[in-house]
N, C-alpha and C. Protein backbone atom coordinates (compact mmCIF):
# COMPACT_ATOMS: atom_id res chain seq x y z
N MET A 1 47.51 51.08 -24.13
CA MET A 1 46.11 51.49 -24.14
C MET A 1 45.80 52.08 -25.51
N ARG A 2 44.56 51.94 -25.92
CA ARG A 2 44.12 52.56 -27.17
C ARG A 2 43.05 53.59 -26.84
N THR A 3 42.90 54.54 -27.71
CA THR A 3 41.95 55.62 -27.49
C THR A 3 40.88 55.60 -28.57
N GLU A 4 39.63 55.71 -28.15
CA GLU A 4 38.49 55.80 -29.05
C GLU A 4 37.75 57.11 -28.74
N THR A 5 36.93 57.52 -29.66
CA THR A 5 36.10 58.70 -29.41
C THR A 5 34.76 58.23 -28.88
N GLY A 6 34.39 58.76 -27.73
CA GLY A 6 33.10 58.46 -27.14
C GLY A 6 32.17 59.65 -27.32
N ILE A 7 30.88 59.40 -27.32
CA ILE A 7 29.90 60.48 -27.44
C ILE A 7 28.86 60.30 -26.35
N VAL A 8 28.57 61.36 -25.65
CA VAL A 8 27.48 61.36 -24.68
C VAL A 8 26.41 62.32 -25.17
N LYS A 9 25.16 61.92 -24.97
CA LYS A 9 24.02 62.74 -25.40
C LYS A 9 23.15 63.06 -24.20
N THR A 10 22.58 64.25 -24.22
CA THR A 10 21.65 64.64 -23.17
C THR A 10 20.23 64.50 -23.67
N LYS A 11 19.28 64.52 -22.76
CA LYS A 11 17.87 64.47 -23.15
C LYS A 11 17.51 65.65 -24.02
N GLY A 12 18.20 66.77 -23.82
CA GLY A 12 17.93 67.98 -24.59
C GLY A 12 18.53 67.96 -25.99
N GLY A 13 19.24 66.88 -26.33
CA GLY A 13 19.79 66.75 -27.67
C GLY A 13 21.23 67.22 -27.82
N ASN A 14 21.85 67.68 -26.75
CA ASN A 14 23.25 68.07 -26.83
C ASN A 14 24.14 66.83 -26.90
N GLU A 15 25.25 66.95 -27.62
CA GLU A 15 26.22 65.87 -27.72
C GLU A 15 27.61 66.41 -27.39
N TRP A 16 28.37 65.60 -26.70
CA TRP A 16 29.76 65.94 -26.43
C TRP A 16 30.62 64.74 -26.76
N GLU A 17 31.79 64.99 -27.30
CA GLU A 17 32.75 63.94 -27.58
C GLU A 17 33.83 63.96 -26.52
N PHE A 18 34.36 62.79 -26.23
CA PHE A 18 35.46 62.67 -25.28
C PHE A 18 36.29 61.46 -25.66
N SER A 19 37.42 61.32 -25.03
CA SER A 19 38.32 60.19 -25.33
C SER A 19 38.06 59.04 -24.37
N LEU A 20 37.80 57.88 -24.95
CA LEU A 20 37.69 56.64 -24.17
C LEU A 20 39.05 55.97 -24.22
N VAL A 21 39.59 55.64 -23.09
CA VAL A 21 40.88 54.95 -23.04
C VAL A 21 40.61 53.50 -22.66
N MET A 22 40.96 52.59 -23.59
CA MET A 22 40.64 51.17 -23.42
C MET A 22 41.91 50.32 -23.48
N PRO A 23 41.96 49.27 -22.65
CA PRO A 23 43.11 48.37 -22.73
C PRO A 23 43.13 47.63 -24.06
N LYS A 24 44.33 47.31 -24.52
CA LYS A 24 44.49 46.58 -25.79
C LYS A 24 44.22 45.10 -25.63
N ASP A 25 44.43 44.57 -24.43
CA ASP A 25 44.23 43.14 -24.19
C ASP A 25 44.03 42.90 -22.70
N VAL A 26 43.76 41.67 -22.35
CA VAL A 26 43.48 41.32 -20.95
C VAL A 26 44.68 41.61 -20.06
N GLU A 27 45.87 41.29 -20.56
CA GLU A 27 47.07 41.52 -19.76
C GLU A 27 47.22 43.00 -19.40
N GLU A 28 46.98 43.88 -20.37
CA GLU A 28 47.09 45.31 -20.11
C GLU A 28 46.00 45.76 -19.13
N ALA A 29 44.81 45.20 -19.26
CA ALA A 29 43.73 45.54 -18.34
C ALA A 29 44.10 45.16 -16.91
N ILE A 30 44.67 43.97 -16.74
CA ILE A 30 45.09 43.53 -15.41
C ILE A 30 46.21 44.42 -14.88
N GLU A 31 47.13 44.79 -15.75
CA GLU A 31 48.23 45.66 -15.36
C GLU A 31 47.71 47.01 -14.84
N VAL A 32 46.72 47.55 -15.51
CA VAL A 32 46.20 48.87 -15.15
C VAL A 32 45.22 48.80 -13.98
N TYR A 33 44.27 47.86 -14.02
CA TYR A 33 43.19 47.82 -13.04
C TYR A 33 43.36 46.75 -11.96
N GLY A 34 44.30 45.83 -12.15
CA GLY A 34 44.50 44.74 -11.21
C GLY A 34 43.48 43.64 -11.44
N PRO A 35 43.77 42.43 -10.98
CA PRO A 35 42.86 41.30 -11.21
C PRO A 35 41.46 41.53 -10.63
N GLN A 36 41.39 42.10 -9.43
CA GLN A 36 40.08 42.33 -8.81
C GLN A 36 39.29 43.41 -9.57
N GLY A 37 40.00 44.43 -10.04
CA GLY A 37 39.35 45.48 -10.82
C GLY A 37 38.80 44.95 -12.14
N VAL A 38 39.57 44.10 -12.80
CA VAL A 38 39.13 43.52 -14.06
C VAL A 38 37.93 42.60 -13.82
N LEU A 39 37.98 41.80 -12.77
CA LEU A 39 36.85 40.93 -12.45
C LEU A 39 35.61 41.77 -12.14
N TYR A 40 35.78 42.85 -11.40
CA TYR A 40 34.65 43.75 -11.10
C TYR A 40 34.04 44.29 -12.38
N LEU A 41 34.89 44.74 -13.32
CA LEU A 41 34.39 45.29 -14.58
C LEU A 41 33.69 44.22 -15.41
N ILE A 42 34.24 43.03 -15.44
CA ILE A 42 33.61 41.93 -16.18
C ILE A 42 32.23 41.63 -15.60
N ASN A 43 32.16 41.49 -14.27
CA ASN A 43 30.88 41.18 -13.64
C ASN A 43 29.86 42.30 -13.84
N SER A 44 30.31 43.55 -13.79
CA SER A 44 29.40 44.68 -14.03
C SER A 44 28.84 44.63 -15.44
N ALA A 45 29.71 44.42 -16.41
CA ALA A 45 29.27 44.37 -17.81
C ALA A 45 28.36 43.16 -18.04
N LEU A 46 28.70 42.01 -17.47
CA LEU A 46 27.87 40.82 -17.63
C LEU A 46 26.49 41.01 -17.01
N ARG A 47 26.45 41.66 -15.86
CA ARG A 47 25.16 41.90 -15.21
C ARG A 47 24.26 42.74 -16.11
N VAL A 48 24.80 43.80 -16.68
CA VAL A 48 24.02 44.67 -17.56
C VAL A 48 23.56 43.90 -18.80
N LYS A 49 24.45 43.14 -19.41
CA LYS A 49 24.11 42.39 -20.62
C LYS A 49 23.07 41.31 -20.32
N GLN A 50 23.25 40.59 -19.21
CA GLN A 50 22.30 39.54 -18.87
C GLN A 50 20.92 40.11 -18.54
N GLN A 51 20.89 41.28 -17.91
CA GLN A 51 19.62 41.95 -17.65
C GLN A 51 18.94 42.32 -18.97
N ALA A 52 19.71 42.79 -19.95
CA ALA A 52 19.15 43.15 -21.25
C ALA A 52 18.60 41.91 -21.97
N ILE A 53 19.33 40.81 -21.89
CA ILE A 53 18.87 39.56 -22.51
C ILE A 53 17.56 39.12 -21.86
N ALA A 54 17.51 39.15 -20.55
CA ALA A 54 16.30 38.74 -19.83
C ALA A 54 15.13 39.67 -20.16
N ARG A 55 15.37 40.96 -20.17
CA ARG A 55 14.32 41.93 -20.49
C ARG A 55 13.71 41.65 -21.86
N GLU A 56 14.57 41.44 -22.86
CA GLU A 56 14.08 41.17 -24.22
C GLU A 56 13.34 39.85 -24.30
N ALA A 57 13.83 38.85 -23.60
CA ALA A 57 13.17 37.54 -23.62
C ALA A 57 11.80 37.62 -22.96
N PHE A 58 11.69 38.32 -21.83
CA PHE A 58 10.40 38.47 -21.17
C PHE A 58 9.44 39.26 -22.06
N LYS A 59 9.96 40.28 -22.76
CA LYS A 59 9.11 41.05 -23.69
C LYS A 59 8.57 40.16 -24.80
N GLN A 60 9.33 39.14 -25.18
CA GLN A 60 8.91 38.21 -26.23
C GLN A 60 7.96 37.14 -25.69
N GLY A 61 7.64 37.22 -24.41
CA GLY A 61 6.69 36.29 -23.82
C GLY A 61 7.29 34.98 -23.35
N LYS A 62 8.61 34.91 -23.26
CA LYS A 62 9.25 33.67 -22.83
C LYS A 62 9.07 33.49 -21.32
N ASP A 63 9.02 32.21 -20.89
CA ASP A 63 8.85 31.94 -19.47
C ASP A 63 10.21 31.96 -18.76
N ARG A 64 10.18 31.83 -17.46
CA ARG A 64 11.38 31.94 -16.63
C ARG A 64 12.46 30.95 -17.07
N GLU A 65 12.05 29.72 -17.38
CA GLU A 65 13.01 28.69 -17.79
C GLU A 65 13.72 29.08 -19.09
N GLU A 66 12.97 29.60 -20.05
CA GLU A 66 13.55 30.03 -21.33
C GLU A 66 14.47 31.23 -21.14
N VAL A 67 14.06 32.14 -20.26
CA VAL A 67 14.89 33.31 -19.98
C VAL A 67 16.20 32.88 -19.33
N ASP A 68 16.10 32.00 -18.34
CA ASP A 68 17.31 31.51 -17.67
C ASP A 68 18.25 30.83 -18.67
N ALA A 69 17.69 30.06 -19.60
CA ALA A 69 18.51 29.38 -20.61
C ALA A 69 19.18 30.38 -21.54
N ALA A 70 18.45 31.42 -21.93
CA ALA A 70 19.03 32.45 -22.82
C ALA A 70 20.16 33.19 -22.12
N VAL A 71 19.96 33.51 -20.85
CA VAL A 71 21.00 34.20 -20.08
C VAL A 71 22.23 33.30 -19.93
N ALA A 72 22.01 32.03 -19.62
CA ALA A 72 23.12 31.09 -19.43
C ALA A 72 23.88 30.85 -20.72
N ALA A 73 23.19 30.94 -21.86
CA ALA A 73 23.83 30.66 -23.15
C ALA A 73 24.67 31.82 -23.67
N TYR A 74 24.50 33.00 -23.11
CA TYR A 74 25.23 34.17 -23.61
C TYR A 74 26.73 34.00 -23.46
N ARG A 75 27.43 34.28 -24.53
CA ARG A 75 28.90 34.30 -24.54
C ARG A 75 29.33 35.59 -25.20
N PRO A 76 30.04 36.46 -24.47
CA PRO A 76 30.47 37.73 -25.05
C PRO A 76 31.24 37.53 -26.34
N GLY A 77 30.94 38.37 -27.30
CA GLY A 77 31.65 38.35 -28.57
C GLY A 77 31.06 37.40 -29.59
N GLN A 78 30.27 36.44 -29.17
CA GLN A 78 29.67 35.51 -30.12
C GLN A 78 28.40 36.14 -30.67
N GLY A 79 28.39 36.34 -31.97
CA GLY A 79 27.24 36.94 -32.61
C GLY A 79 27.19 38.44 -32.48
N ALA A 80 28.18 39.03 -31.85
CA ALA A 80 28.14 40.47 -31.62
C ALA A 80 28.13 41.25 -32.91
N ARG A 81 28.81 40.76 -33.91
CA ARG A 81 28.88 41.50 -35.17
C ARG A 81 28.37 40.67 -36.34
N THR A 82 27.47 39.76 -36.03
CA THR A 82 26.92 38.95 -37.11
C THR A 82 25.52 39.44 -37.46
N SER A 83 25.15 39.22 -38.66
CA SER A 83 23.82 39.63 -39.11
C SER A 83 22.80 38.64 -38.56
N THR A 84 21.55 39.04 -38.60
CA THR A 84 20.48 38.14 -38.16
C THR A 84 20.44 36.91 -39.05
N LYS A 85 20.72 37.09 -40.33
CA LYS A 85 20.74 35.95 -41.24
C LYS A 85 21.84 34.97 -40.83
N ALA A 86 23.02 35.47 -40.50
CA ALA A 86 24.12 34.61 -40.08
C ALA A 86 23.77 33.90 -38.77
N GLN A 87 23.11 34.62 -37.86
CA GLN A 87 22.68 33.99 -36.60
C GLN A 87 21.69 32.87 -36.89
N ALA A 88 20.74 33.14 -37.80
CA ALA A 88 19.74 32.13 -38.16
C ALA A 88 20.41 30.89 -38.74
N LEU A 89 21.36 31.10 -39.65
CA LEU A 89 22.07 29.96 -40.25
C LEU A 89 22.81 29.15 -39.19
N GLN A 90 23.47 29.84 -38.28
CA GLN A 90 24.21 29.16 -37.23
C GLN A 90 23.26 28.34 -36.34
N LEU A 91 22.12 28.93 -36.00
CA LEU A 91 21.15 28.21 -35.17
C LEU A 91 20.59 26.99 -35.90
N ILE A 92 20.37 27.12 -37.19
CA ILE A 92 19.89 25.97 -37.98
C ILE A 92 20.92 24.84 -37.92
N MET A 93 22.19 25.20 -38.11
CA MET A 93 23.24 24.17 -38.05
C MET A 93 23.35 23.57 -36.66
N ASP A 94 23.28 24.42 -35.63
CA ASP A 94 23.39 23.94 -34.25
C ASP A 94 22.22 23.05 -33.85
N ASN A 95 21.07 23.27 -34.46
CA ASN A 95 19.85 22.55 -34.07
C ASN A 95 19.41 21.52 -35.12
N ARG A 96 20.31 21.13 -36.01
CA ARG A 96 19.92 20.25 -37.11
C ARG A 96 19.29 18.94 -36.63
N ASP A 97 19.83 18.35 -35.57
CA ASP A 97 19.27 17.08 -35.08
C ASP A 97 17.84 17.25 -34.58
N SER A 98 17.61 18.30 -33.79
CA SER A 98 16.26 18.52 -33.27
C SER A 98 15.30 18.90 -34.38
N LEU A 99 15.80 19.58 -35.41
CA LEU A 99 14.95 19.91 -36.56
C LEU A 99 14.54 18.65 -37.32
N LEU A 100 15.46 17.72 -37.47
CA LEU A 100 15.15 16.46 -38.15
C LEU A 100 14.12 15.65 -37.36
N GLU A 101 14.16 15.78 -36.04
CA GLU A 101 13.22 15.05 -35.19
C GLU A 101 11.86 15.73 -35.09
N ASN A 102 11.78 16.99 -35.50
CA ASN A 102 10.54 17.75 -35.37
C ASN A 102 10.18 18.37 -36.73
N PRO A 103 9.50 17.62 -37.59
CA PRO A 103 9.17 18.11 -38.94
C PRO A 103 8.35 19.39 -38.95
N ASP A 104 7.48 19.57 -37.96
CA ASP A 104 6.67 20.79 -37.90
C ASP A 104 7.56 22.02 -37.68
N LEU A 105 8.50 21.89 -36.74
CA LEU A 105 9.42 22.99 -36.48
C LEU A 105 10.29 23.24 -37.71
N MET A 106 10.77 22.16 -38.34
CA MET A 106 11.59 22.31 -39.53
C MET A 106 10.83 23.06 -40.62
N SER A 107 9.58 22.73 -40.82
CA SER A 107 8.77 23.38 -41.84
C SER A 107 8.60 24.87 -41.53
N GLU A 108 8.35 25.18 -40.26
CA GLU A 108 8.18 26.57 -39.85
C GLU A 108 9.48 27.36 -40.04
N VAL A 109 10.60 26.75 -39.68
CA VAL A 109 11.91 27.38 -39.85
C VAL A 109 12.20 27.60 -41.33
N GLN A 110 11.94 26.60 -42.15
CA GLN A 110 12.19 26.73 -43.60
C GLN A 110 11.35 27.85 -44.20
N LYS A 111 10.08 27.91 -43.85
CA LYS A 111 9.20 28.96 -44.38
C LYS A 111 9.71 30.34 -43.99
N ALA A 112 10.08 30.50 -42.74
CA ALA A 112 10.58 31.79 -42.26
C ALA A 112 11.88 32.16 -42.97
N PHE A 113 12.77 31.20 -43.13
CA PHE A 113 14.06 31.48 -43.77
C PHE A 113 13.87 31.88 -45.23
N VAL A 114 13.07 31.12 -45.96
CA VAL A 114 12.82 31.40 -47.38
C VAL A 114 12.16 32.77 -47.56
N ALA A 115 11.31 33.14 -46.59
CA ALA A 115 10.63 34.44 -46.66
C ALA A 115 11.54 35.59 -46.22
N GLY A 116 12.76 35.25 -45.79
CA GLY A 116 13.69 36.29 -45.35
C GLY A 116 13.41 36.80 -43.95
N LYS A 117 12.64 36.03 -43.19
CA LYS A 117 12.29 36.41 -41.81
C LYS A 117 13.28 35.75 -40.85
N PHE A 118 14.52 36.24 -40.90
CA PHE A 118 15.59 35.61 -40.14
C PHE A 118 15.41 35.78 -38.64
N GLY A 119 14.83 36.90 -38.24
CA GLY A 119 14.54 37.11 -36.82
C GLY A 119 13.57 36.05 -36.29
N LYS A 120 12.62 35.66 -37.12
CA LYS A 120 11.67 34.61 -36.75
C LYS A 120 12.40 33.27 -36.57
N VAL A 121 13.36 32.99 -37.45
CA VAL A 121 14.16 31.77 -37.32
C VAL A 121 14.91 31.79 -35.99
N VAL A 122 15.54 32.91 -35.69
CA VAL A 122 16.28 33.05 -34.42
C VAL A 122 15.32 32.83 -33.25
N GLU A 123 14.15 33.44 -33.32
CA GLU A 123 13.16 33.30 -32.26
C GLU A 123 12.73 31.84 -32.09
N LEU A 124 12.49 31.15 -33.18
CA LEU A 124 12.05 29.76 -33.14
C LEU A 124 13.12 28.82 -32.54
N LEU A 125 14.36 29.13 -32.81
CA LEU A 125 15.43 28.21 -32.41
C LEU A 125 16.21 28.65 -31.18
N SER A 126 15.87 29.78 -30.59
CA SER A 126 16.58 30.25 -29.40
C SER A 126 15.93 29.74 -28.14
């Protein structure tokens, strides 16, 4: 197990530090929590993350179909530590065929990218 420092904050502005004890790998997690415990933790974390994805997508005005697609596309760890620019570049590469087929979308994506509006590129291609 590895130990990290965790911080909890109260509404009143107080902060406390404590030790977070985390497994080093999946095997250690299974050893400590058992297969059912690890599955429970995975499902709990996925539920929270998928709810956050859906909430943000609905806030952006996306319809149910787009929200469902965004939730289904989520893969833990992918893009977790990448910049918005890197995400935009990856989406451009992943969508190159559809961009070639849709000159209007390609033009909009190019304008946003050149202007440094990488979040707009991500929005257009997600």
